[in-house]
Amino acid sequence: MSLDHTAAGFEYDRDTRVDKTADGTFTATITDGWTTFTTHPNGGYVLGTALNALGQTLSQPDPVAVSAFFLRPAAPGEAIVRTETVREGRRTATGQFVLEQGGKEVMRATATYGDLSPNGGRELHLEGPPDLPAPDQCPVPTEFDRPEGVSIAHRLDYRYPERPGWLDGRTDGRPHDEFWLRFADGRQADTHSLPAMVDFAVPAVLNIGEFSTITVELTAHVRARPAPGWLACRVFTKHVSGGYHEEDMEIWDSQGTLVAQARQLAMLL
């Protein structure tokens, strides 16, 4: 089962809290603690808030597949999450939600929950986790040290094996990055935070001089309950066309287990 972080007062749990007001309806406060360089709250953080509500309505403990459509950027302030149970099965439960602000839909998603307790089943991986130096051997660029106006960077620790070239204006790189990630306040990742964390990567297209600003759709698969410690991440883009690009994300835990994957379609600036 996932850990209960509520009593510990971690920032992610405080900022994704929801309160039930009626059957299937919850209120939330989207904070300004997870804003990106676009000045809007990070979409993964908003998704995690809404999933906190949906998860309380379903019988299974772990989100395993989530598909979210981002209809407009969220803003700091009050939000309403309306949830609906679609089906409760023996091994999985499926539901959907709409998150609204100011009477307008911000996000709509469907998710299936299951039980990710270890089951000893077959394992096959054609590619392993990123081969990274230990986190304490990775430099911390000054630009990542609590930058002004990008509050999400205050909530997370990133460790890259070398200084990203885009920080120095280089745009001749490959849209592929591997790095370590964790919550800055010591919160351990779990299955409830992973659907948000797959959207916490700095966009790989920065390496080619592009900036993705608006996520259109994100699909996340949670594969296992993560072991404590740093998360090894791989983010990459293979196709940029028509003003859009896809971004793939993999997250591996400290024991080398694949714990989450995601693909999103995003608009270019």
Foldseek 3Di string as FASTA:
>chain_A
DDDDCVVVPAPLCVQLDWADDDVQKIKHFHAQLQAAPLSFHFPLSVVLSLVVSQCVNADANFWFKKKKFFPDTDHGGMKMKGKDWDDHDDFKTKIKIFIDDPNDTGMIMIIIHGYQDDDPDDDDDPDFFDDADPQVQFDDDPCLVCHPSRNSSVQKDKGFNYDQPLVVPAQPDALKGKIKMDTPVQDFDFSSSVSSVQRVDQGSNSSNVWHFDFWGMKMKGFNHTADGDIKIKMKHWDDDDPQKTKIKMWIAHPVRHTGMIMIIITGID
